[in-house]
Amino acid sequence: MTTLLDFLADNPVDALTFEVVLSDRLKDFKFKIRPISGKEFAKYSKECRKIGKKGKVDFDSDRFNMLVILNHTIEPDFRNVKALDKAKCQTPEDFINKTLLAGEIAELSQQITARSGFDQDVSELVEEVKN
């Protein structure tokens, strides 16, 4: 019988990938994604958190979603130079905003966070990070 420790050692999470469909518009295409590690989540959260006046914490959820999508979407590769040129985009962020609907962006980020073990949506994560 395999122990939990043996199972974990034999199944590292850095090798996990998933295929997801985002919307009816893209139903014929699957996005290949990978989960977020704890270290990556902490890095993105820190990068998106700003301390404002009177110690108020502001969290840039749009930037967080973009970091999650850019760093955890394997296919399509939003950083592909040929695709950026074809779409006449300067940055991968521009490419995402030009080619995906707002709801598709939110869904892709949500699919990645859900596959990373978060059972809550990104807005709940934002509240958790603020606190």
C-alpha atoms as a PDB file:
ATOM      1  CA  MET A   1       0.000   0.000   0.000  1.00  0.00           C
ATOM      2  CA  THR A   2       1.254   3.468  -0.902  1.00  0.00           C
ATOM      3  CA  THR A   3       1.566   6.017   1.866  1.00  0.00           C
ATOM      4  CA  LEU A   4       0.540   9.631   1.450  1.00  0.00           C
ATOM      5  CA  LEU A   5       4.191  10.666   1.570  1.00  0.00           C
ATOM      6  CA  ASP A   6       5.053   8.205  -1.219  1.00  0.00           C
ATOM      7  CA  PHE A   7       2.139   9.439  -3.307  1.00  0.00           C
ATOM      8  CA  LEU A   8       3.164  13.082  -2.886  1.00  0.00           C
ATOM      9  CA  ALA A   9       6.795  12.338  -3.693  1.00  0.00           C
ATOM     10  CA  ASP A  10       5.777  10.441  -6.844  1.00  0.00           C
ATOM     11  CA  ASN A  11       3.250  13.066  -8.019  1.00  0.00           C
ATOM     12  CA  PRO A  12       4.734  16.580  -7.868  1.00  0.00           C
ATOM     13  CA  VAL A  13       2.291  19.357  -8.664  1.00  0.00           C
ATOM     14  CA  ASP A  14       4.708  21.168 -10.965  1.00  0.00           C
ATOM     15  CA  ALA A  15       3.906  18.547 -13.619  1.00  0.00           C
ATOM     16  CA  LEU A  16       0.108  19.001 -13.487  1.00  0.00           C
ATOM     17  CA  THR A  17      -1.713  20.425 -16.493  1.00  0.00           C
ATOM     18  CA  PHE A  18      -5.397  20.704 -17.377  1.00  0.00           C
ATOM     19  CA  GLU A  19      -7.404  21.430 -20.509  1.00  0.00           C
ATOM     20  CA  VAL A  20     -10.402  23.745 -20.172  1.00  0.00           C
ATOM     21  CA  VAL A  21     -13.035  25.288 -22.423  1.00  0.00           C
ATOM     22  CA  LEU A  22     -13.822  28.920 -21.627  1.00  0.00           C
ATOM     23  CA  SER A  23     -17.020  29.772 -23.436  1.00  0.00           C
ATOM     24  CA  ASP A  24     -19.492  28.876 -26.166  1.00  0.00           C
ATOM     25  CA  ARG A  25     -17.576  31.168 -28.519  1.00  0.00           C
ATOM     26  CA  LEU A  26     -14.428  29.094 -27.993  1.00  0.00           C
ATOM     27  CA  LYS A  27     -16.129  25.707 -27.496  1.00  0.00           C
ATOM     28  CA  ASP A  28     -14.039  24.075 -30.238  1.00  0.00           C
ATOM     29  CA  PHE A  29     -10.777  25.063 -28.546  1.00  0.00           C
ATOM     30  CA  LYS A  30      -9.202  23.934 -25.297  1.00  0.00           C
ATOM     31  CA  PHE A  31      -6.841  26.059 -23.269  1.00  0.00           C
ATOM     32  CA  LYS A  32      -4.016  24.146 -21.597  1.00  0.00           C
ATOM     33  CA  ILE A  33      -3.290  25.527 -18.133  1.00  0.00           C
ATOM     34  CA  ARG A  34      -1.141  24.732 -15.124  1.00  0.00           C
ATOM     35  CA  PRO A  35      -1.848  25.382 -11.442  1.00  0.00           C
ATOM     36  CA  ILE A  36      -0.314  28.135  -9.324  1.00  0.00           C
ATOM     37  CA  SER A  37       2.167  27.120  -6.634  1.00  0.00           C
ATOM     38  CA  GLY A  38       2.016  28.664  -3.193  1.00  0.00           C
ATOM     39  CA  LYS A  39       5.217  30.589  -3.874  1.00  0.00           C
ATOM     40  CA  GLU A  40       3.841  31.997  -7.149  1.00  0.00           C
ATOM     41  CA  PHE A  41       0.547  32.949  -5.505  1.00  0.00           C
ATOM     42  CA  ALA A  42       2.404  34.851  -2.782  1.00  0.00           C
ATOM     43  CA  LYS A  43       4.550  36.625  -5.394  1.00  0.00           C
ATOM     44  CA  TYR A  44       1.543  37.727  -7.493  1.00  0.00           C
ATOM     45  CA  SER A  45      -0.389  38.810  -4.402  1.00  0.00           C
ATOM     46  CA  LYS A  46       2.510  40.916  -3.177  1.00  0.00           C
ATOM     47  CA  GLU A  47       3.011  42.484  -6.615  1.00  0.00           C
ATOM     48  CA  CYS A  48      -0.673  43.434  -6.851  1.00  0.00           C
ATOM     49  CA  ARG A  49      -1.044  44.772  -3.309  1.00  0.00           C
ATOM     50  CA  LYS A  50      -0.427  48.457  -2.673  1.00  0.00           C
ATOM     51  CA  ILE A  51      -0.563  50.221   0.666  1.00  0.00           C
ATOM     52  CA  GLY A  52      -2.387  53.497   0.211  1.00  0.00           C
ATOM     53  CA  LYS A  53      -3.166  56.441   2.391  1.00  0.00           C
ATOM     54  CA  LYS A  54      -3.946  55.715   6.016  1.00  0.00           C
ATOM     55  CA  GLY A  55      -2.649  52.155   5.583  1.00  0.00           C
ATOM     56  CA  LYS A  56      -5.530  51.140   3.320  1.00  0.00           C
ATOM     57  CA  VAL A  57      -4.657  48.095   1.237  1.00  0.00           C
ATOM     58  CA  ASP A  58      -5.572  48.279  -2.443  1.00  0.00           C
ATOM     59  CA  PHE A  59      -5.437  45.165  -4.570  1.00  0.00           C
ATOM     60  CA  ASP A  60      -5.211  45.306  -8.361  1.00  0.00           C
ATOM     61  CA  SER A  61      -7.330  42.282  -9.287  1.00  0.00           C
ATOM     62  CA  ASP A  62      -7.010  42.993 -13.020  1.00  0.00           C
ATOM     63  CA  ARG A  63      -3.217  42.772 -12.746  1.00  0.00           C
ATOM     64  CA  PHE A  64      -3.521  39.621 -10.630  1.00  0.00           C
ATOM     65  CA  ASN A  65      -5.736  37.984 -13.287  1.00  0.00           C
ATOM     66  CA  MET A  66      -3.264  38.999 -16.001  1.00  0.00           C
ATOM     67  CA  LEU A  67      -0.299  37.524 -14.100  1.00  0.00           C
ATOM     68  CA  VAL A  68      -2.207  34.299 -13.515  1.00  0.00           C
ATOM     69  CA  ILE A  69      -3.193  34.003 -17.179  1.00  0.00           C
ATOM     70  CA  LEU A  70       0.209  34.956 -18.590  1.00  0.00           C
ATOM     71  CA  ASN A  71       2.173  32.638 -16.335  1.00  0.00           C
ATOM     72  CA  HIS A  72      -0.180  29.672 -16.182  1.00  0.00           C
ATOM     73  CA  THR A  73      -1.644  29.352 -19.668  1.00  0.00           C
ATOM     74  CA  ILE A  74       0.502  26.954 -21.639  1.00  0.00           C
ATOM     75  CA  GLU A  75      -1.584  26.886 -24.801  1.00  0.00           C
ATOM     76  CA  PRO A  76      -2.169  29.308 -26.365  1.00  0.00           C
ATOM     77  CA  ASP A  77       1.115  31.044 -25.656  1.00  0.00           C
ATOM     78  CA  PHE A  78       0.054  34.662 -25.243  1.00  0.00           C
ATOM     79  CA  ARG A  79       3.704  35.722 -25.470  1.00  0.00           C
ATOM     80  CA  ASN A  80       4.153  34.266 -28.965  1.00  0.00           C
ATOM     81  CA  VAL A  81       5.827  36.996 -31.029  1.00  0.00           C
ATOM     82  CA  LYS A  82       4.229  35.891 -34.312  1.00  0.00           C
ATOM     83  CA  ALA A  83       0.758  35.987 -32.777  1.00  0.00           C
ATOM     84  CA  LEU A  84       1.438  39.412 -31.242  1.00  0.00           C
ATOM     85  CA  ASP A  85       2.578  40.734 -34.631  1.00  0.00           C
ATOM     86  CA  LYS A  86      -0.384  39.179 -36.436  1.00  0.00           C
ATOM     87  CA  ALA A  87      -2.814  40.782 -33.987  1.00  0.00           C
ATOM     88  CA  LYS A  88      -0.846  44.062 -34.096  1.00  0.00           C
ATOM     89  CA  CYS A  89      -0.307  44.004 -30.329  1.00  0.00           C
ATOM     90  CA  GLN A  90       2.690  45.361 -28.465  1.00  0.00           C
ATOM     91  CA  THR A  91       2.359  43.292 -25.300  1.00  0.00           C
ATOM     92  CA  PRO A  92       0.900  39.941 -24.263  1.00  0.00           C
ATOM     93  CA  GLU A  93      -1.579  41.843 -22.077  1.00  0.00           C
ATOM     94  CA  ASP A  94      -2.773  43.779 -25.132  1.00  0.00           C
ATOM     95  CA  PHE A  95      -3.137  40.498 -27.007  1.00  0.00           C
ATOM     96  CA  ILE A  96      -5.252  38.947 -24.243  1.00  0.00           C
ATOM     97  CA  ASN A  97      -7.493  42.019 -24.038  1.00  0.00           C
ATOM     98  CA  LYS A  98      -7.862  42.163 -27.821  1.00  0.00           C
ATOM     99  CA  THR A  99      -8.636  38.479 -28.358  1.00  0.00           C
ATOM    100  CA  LEU A 100     -10.636  37.423 -25.296  1.00  0.00           C
ATOM    101  CA  LEU A 101     -13.911  38.806 -23.999  1.00  0.00           C
ATOM    102  CA  ALA A 102     -13.875  40.209 -20.455  1.00  0.00           C
ATOM    103  CA  GLY A 103     -15.842  37.222 -19.199  1.00  0.00           C
ATOM    104  CA  GLU A 104     -13.438  34.833 -20.907  1.00  0.00           C
ATOM    105  CA  ILE A 105     -10.504  36.531 -19.189  1.00  0.00           C
ATOM    106  CA  ALA A 106     -12.245  36.189 -15.831  1.00  0.00           C
ATOM    107  CA  GLU A 107     -13.176  32.565 -16.568  1.00  0.00           C
ATOM    108  CA  LEU A 108      -9.632  31.629 -17.587  1.00  0.00           C
ATOM    109  CA  SER A 109      -8.219  33.137 -14.405  1.00  0.00           C
ATOM    110  CA  GLN A 110     -10.926  31.416 -12.361  1.00  0.00           C
ATOM    111  CA  GLN A 111     -10.227  28.041 -14.017  1.00  0.00           C
ATOM    112  CA  ILE A 112      -6.531  28.372 -13.198  1.00  0.00           C
ATOM    113  CA  THR A 113      -7.148  29.351  -9.572  1.00  0.00           C
ATOM    114  CA  ALA A 114      -9.733  26.574  -9.173  1.00  0.00           C
ATOM    115  CA  ARG A 115      -7.258  23.988 -10.518  1.00  0.00           C
ATOM    116  CA  SER A 116      -4.747  25.398  -8.025  1.00  0.00           C
ATOM    117  CA  GLY A 117      -6.867  24.272  -5.109  1.00  0.00           C
ATOM    118  CA  PHE A 118      -8.791  27.460  -4.437  1.00  0.00           C
ATOM    119  CA  ASP A 119     -12.479  26.686  -4.110  1.00  0.00           C
ATOM    120  CA  GLN A 120     -13.405  30.330  -4.188  1.00  0.00           C
ATOM    121  CA  ASP A 121     -13.475  32.831  -6.990  1.00  0.00           C
ATOM    122  CA  VAL A 122     -10.877  35.524  -7.543  1.00  0.00           C
ATOM    123  CA  SER A 123     -12.926  38.236  -5.793  1.00  0.00           C
ATOM    124  CA  GLU A 124     -12.894  36.140  -2.612  1.00  0.00           C
ATOM    125  CA  LEU A 125      -9.142  35.638  -2.991  1.00  0.00           C
ATOM    126  CA  VAL A 126      -8.693  39.412  -3.320  1.00  0.00           C
ATOM    127  CA  GLU A 127     -10.490  39.916  -0.003  1.00  0.00           C
ATOM    128  CA  GLU A 128      -8.308  37.256   1.602  1.00  0.00           C
ATOM    129  CA  VAL A 129      -5.133  38.902   0.309  1.00  0.00           C
ATOM    130  CA  LYS A 130      -6.248  42.327   1.557  1.00  0.00           C
ATOM    131  CA  ASN A 131      -6.688  40.947   5.067  1.00  0.00           C
END
